[in-house]
Structures are given as C-alpha cells and as structure tokens.
C-alpha cells in the first residue's frame, strides 16, 4: 500500500468524467488499498479515484472507521428525504460549505470482487455516497453550496448562530 497525492480544487482532473471499470485486477486492488490508506491518513470519510488522479469509477467510504465500503461503477437507484448540513472535501482542504443532499440513498455497484451489490445509507453515509459519486462525474461540492465557502472559524460561527436560532 502507498499514500497517493490528493488532487486539489483547480486541478483539471477533478472536473472530468470517469470511465467505468471493466475488470478488477491486481492494479485495481492496489489502487483501492492505496485509496483507503490515503483517505485514513487524511482523516476523510470518503475518497474517489479522480481525487488521486485516476479517472476510474471507484469510490471508497468509511464513515465509522470500522466499516470500509468499496463502490465500483456506482449508480444511484433511489433517494428520499433531505438533509442540509456542513460538508467538506479532501480536495478542498480547510474549507466547508452548507449543502443539501438526500437523507437516504440506495445505490447499485460492484464490490472489490466485481460482484454486484446494493448499498443503502442514511444521514452521513447517504451524504458521503452522493458526494463521492459526484466526483466521478467531475462535480465538486463547492458547486452545490448554499451561501459561501467557509474556513474553520467561519463554520464554527455559522454553527453557533444556527444553534442559537434553534433555541
């Protein structure tokens, strides 16, 4: 396994559509291992292949630190509800925005054994699935934010104001 460089906003590869994976071979498995290692090292919950410079439809997600998920050629089948909350991205370091996403997602994909599977997620997992699949289509969350892109201090102030308004 090896750490990969995470591409940052402004890198053209992040705005390109990824190609479907036609087979899982040793190189694919090595990429998946590298993506997990890179994601964990960067304290992320998800990482898409274009974020490490590879235009393949591969995503890794682990929202709990105990349940790694691989999505190859993912397709969202169903969504419901909505959630609005803070979102960040390893390709946009130190910045956050408020984004509305589905609260529930059902996704068809292939796993690392190239077997078709269905992944369902709610709340953070649903957000992560949508966020990472968007990367595969060349989209960044900054294109969907409500309001402005914020740094840590701005986000904390915003969250405090939201909490005060709810009280």
Protein backbone atom coordinates (compact mmCIF):
# COMPACT_ATOMS: atom_id res chain seq x y z
CA UNK A 1 0.00 0.00 0.00
CA UNK A 2 1.07 3.55 -0.64
CA UNK A 3 -0.14 7.02 0.06
CA UNK A 4 -1.30 8.87 -3.03
CA UNK A 5 -1.29 12.63 -3.60
CA UNK A 6 -4.75 14.11 -3.23
CA UNK A 7 -5.58 16.44 -6.10
CA UNK A 8 -6.96 19.80 -5.03
CA UNK A 9 -9.59 22.13 -6.46
CA UNK A 10 -8.21 23.78 -9.59
CA UNK A 11 -6.71 20.52 -10.89
CA UNK A 12 -8.47 19.78 -14.20
CA UNK A 13 -8.79 16.06 -13.46
CA UNK A 14 -11.39 16.81 -10.78
CA UNK A 15 -13.74 18.19 -13.45
CA UNK A 16 -13.59 15.18 -15.79
CA UNK A 17 -16.00 12.25 -16.04
CA UNK A 18 -14.55 8.90 -15.04
CA UNK A 19 -14.60 5.75 -17.14
CA UNK A 20 -16.32 2.55 -15.97
CA UNK A 21 -14.15 -0.23 -14.58
CA UNK A 22 -14.26 -3.26 -16.89
CA UNK A 23 -12.46 -5.73 -14.60
CA UNK A 24 -10.86 -5.91 -11.18
CA UNK A 25 -7.22 -6.92 -11.41
CA UNK A 26 -4.18 -6.58 -9.16
CA UNK A 27 -3.69 -2.93 -10.15
CA UNK A 28 -7.32 -2.16 -9.28
CA UNK A 29 -6.99 -3.84 -5.89
CA UNK A 30 -3.74 -1.96 -5.22
CA UNK A 31 -5.49 1.31 -6.11
CA UNK A 32 -8.35 0.52 -3.71
CA UNK A 33 -5.88 -0.27 -0.90
CA UNK A 34 -3.97 2.95 -1.63
CA UNK A 35 -7.20 4.96 -1.65
CA UNK A 36 -8.21 3.64 1.78
CA UNK A 37 -4.74 4.33 3.18
CA UNK A 38 -4.74 7.84 1.70
CA UNK A 39 -8.26 8.56 2.97
CA UNK A 40 -7.49 7.38 6.50
CA UNK A 41 -4.21 9.30 6.61
CA UNK A 42 -6.08 12.48 5.62
CA UNK A 43 -8.85 11.83 8.19
CA UNK A 44 -11.50 11.61 5.47
CA UNK A 45 -14.66 9.52 5.28
CA UNK A 46 -14.63 9.08 1.51
CA UNK A 47 -12.34 9.29 -1.48
CA UNK A 48 -12.99 8.96 -5.22
CA UNK A 49 -10.38 7.77 -7.72
CA UNK A 50 -10.12 11.11 -9.57
CA UNK A 51 -9.04 12.70 -6.28
CA UNK A 52 -5.85 10.65 -6.58
CA UNK A 53 -5.51 11.27 -10.31
CA UNK A 54 -7.22 8.14 -11.68
CA UNK A 55 -10.23 8.57 -14.00
CA UNK A 56 -11.97 5.33 -13.00
CA UNK A 57 -15.41 4.94 -11.38
CA UNK A 58 -14.12 3.79 -7.98
CA UNK A 59 -15.06 5.15 -4.56
CA UNK A 60 -14.02 4.16 -1.03
CA UNK A 61 -16.04 5.21 2.02
CA UNK A 62 -15.78 4.59 5.75
CA UNK A 63 -18.00 6.82 7.88
CA UNK A 64 -17.48 4.88 11.11
CA UNK A 65 -13.82 3.86 10.97
CA UNK A 66 -14.99 0.25 11.18
CA UNK A 67 -16.98 -0.39 8.01
CA UNK A 68 -14.98 0.21 4.82
CA UNK A 69 -17.10 0.21 1.65
CA UNK A 70 -15.90 -0.06 -1.96
CA UNK A 71 -18.15 1.15 -4.76
CA UNK A 72 -17.13 0.33 -8.32
CA UNK A 73 -19.26 1.75 -11.15
CA UNK A 74 -21.88 3.03 -8.67
CA UNK A 75 -25.34 4.09 -9.82
CA UNK A 76 -27.86 5.74 -7.50
CA UNK A 77 -31.16 3.89 -7.77
CA UNK A 78 -33.25 5.74 -5.22
CA UNK A 79 -33.13 8.71 -2.88
CA UNK A 80 -35.56 10.12 -0.36
CA UNK A 81 -35.81 12.87 2.19
CA UNK A 82 -33.28 15.62 2.53
CA UNK A 83 -30.65 16.84 4.92
CA UNK A 84 -28.89 20.17 4.97
CA UNK A 85 -25.55 20.37 6.71
CA UNK A 86 -21.86 21.07 6.60
CA UNK A 87 -19.73 19.38 4.02
CA UNK A 88 -16.02 19.37 3.34
CA UNK A 89 -13.73 17.61 0.91
CA UNK A 90 -10.16 16.34 0.93
CA UNK A 91 -9.72 18.12 -2.43
CA UNK A 92 -10.79 21.45 -0.88
CA UNK A 93 -8.71 21.42 2.31
CA UNK A 94 -9.69 23.63 5.22
CA UNK A 95 -12.94 24.80 3.61
CA UNK A 96 -16.57 23.89 4.28
CA UNK A 97 -19.97 24.68 2.87
CA UNK A 98 -23.61 24.04 3.61
CA UNK A 99 -25.08 21.50 1.17
CA UNK A 100 -28.48 19.84 0.88
CA UNK A 101 -28.36 16.14 -0.03
CA UNK A 102 -30.79 13.22 0.18
CA UNK A 103 -31.17 11.72 3.66
CA UNK A 104 -31.47 8.19 2.21
CA UNK A 105 -29.68 6.67 -0.78
CA UNK A 106 -29.89 3.25 -2.41
CA UNK A 107 -27.01 2.53 -4.77
CA UNK A 108 -26.14 -0.36 -7.10
CA UNK A 109 -22.43 -1.04 -7.57
CA UNK A 110 -19.77 -3.70 -7.84
CA UNK A 111 -17.59 -4.59 -4.87
CA UNK A 112 -13.86 -5.33 -4.91
CA UNK A 113 -14.64 -8.91 -6.04
CA UNK A 114 -16.55 -7.47 -9.03
CA UNK A 115 -19.82 -8.77 -7.61
CA UNK A 116 -22.97 -6.69 -7.95
CA UNK A 117 -24.24 -5.37 -4.63
CA UNK A 118 -26.72 -2.87 -3.26
CA UNK A 119 -25.58 -0.30 -0.70
CA UNK A 120 -28.11 1.65 1.34
CA UNK A 121 -27.25 4.58 3.55
CA UNK A 122 -28.84 7.25 5.66
CA UNK A 123 -27.58 10.56 7.01
CA UNK A 124 -23.74 10.76 6.87
CA UNK A 125 -23.38 7.63 4.72
CA UNK A 126 -26.01 8.93 2.26
CA UNK A 127 -24.17 12.27 2.12
CA UNK A 128 -20.83 10.54 1.54
CA UNK A 129 -22.21 8.30 -1.23
CA UNK A 130 -23.70 11.28 -3.08
CA UNK A 131 -20.59 13.43 -2.57
CA UNK A 132 -18.19 10.75 -3.83
CA UNK A 133 -20.32 9.68 -6.81
CA UNK A 134 -20.49 13.35 -7.84
CA UNK A 135 -16.66 13.29 -8.03
CA UNK A 136 -16.92 10.51 -10.62
CA UNK A 137 -18.95 12.86 -12.81
CA UNK A 138 -16.49 15.73 -12.43
CA UNK A 139 -18.52 17.63 -9.84
CA UNK A 140 -17.30 19.19 -6.60
CA UNK A 141 -19.48 20.02 -3.61
CA UNK A 142 -18.48 23.69 -3.91
CA UNK A 143 -20.78 23.89 -6.95
CA UNK A 144 -23.74 22.99 -4.70
CA UNK A 145 -23.09 25.05 -1.58
CA UNK A 146 -25.75 27.30 -0.13
CA UNK A 147 -24.06 30.54 0.76
CA UNK A 148 -20.31 30.91 0.80
CA UNK A 149 -17.34 28.60 1.22
CA UNK A 150 -16.15 28.91 4.83
CA UNK A 151 -12.96 28.20 6.74
CA UNK A 152 -12.98 26.60 10.23
CA UNK A 153 -13.59 29.85 12.13
CA UNK A 154 -16.43 30.92 9.82
CA UNK A 155 -18.02 27.47 10.07
CA UNK A 156 -17.89 27.49 13.88
CA UNK A 157 -19.52 30.94 13.95
CA UNK A 158 -22.21 29.79 11.49
CA UNK A 159 -22.96 26.65 13.55
CA UNK A 160 -23.17 28.71 16.76
CA UNK A 161 -25.63 31.08 15.10
CA UNK A 162 -27.73 28.16 13.84
CA UNK A 163 -27.77 26.63 17.33
CA UNK A 164 -28.78 29.96 18.89
CA UNK A 165 -31.61 30.34 16.36
CA UNK A 166 -32.94 26.88 17.24
CA UNK A 167 -33.01 27.62 20.98
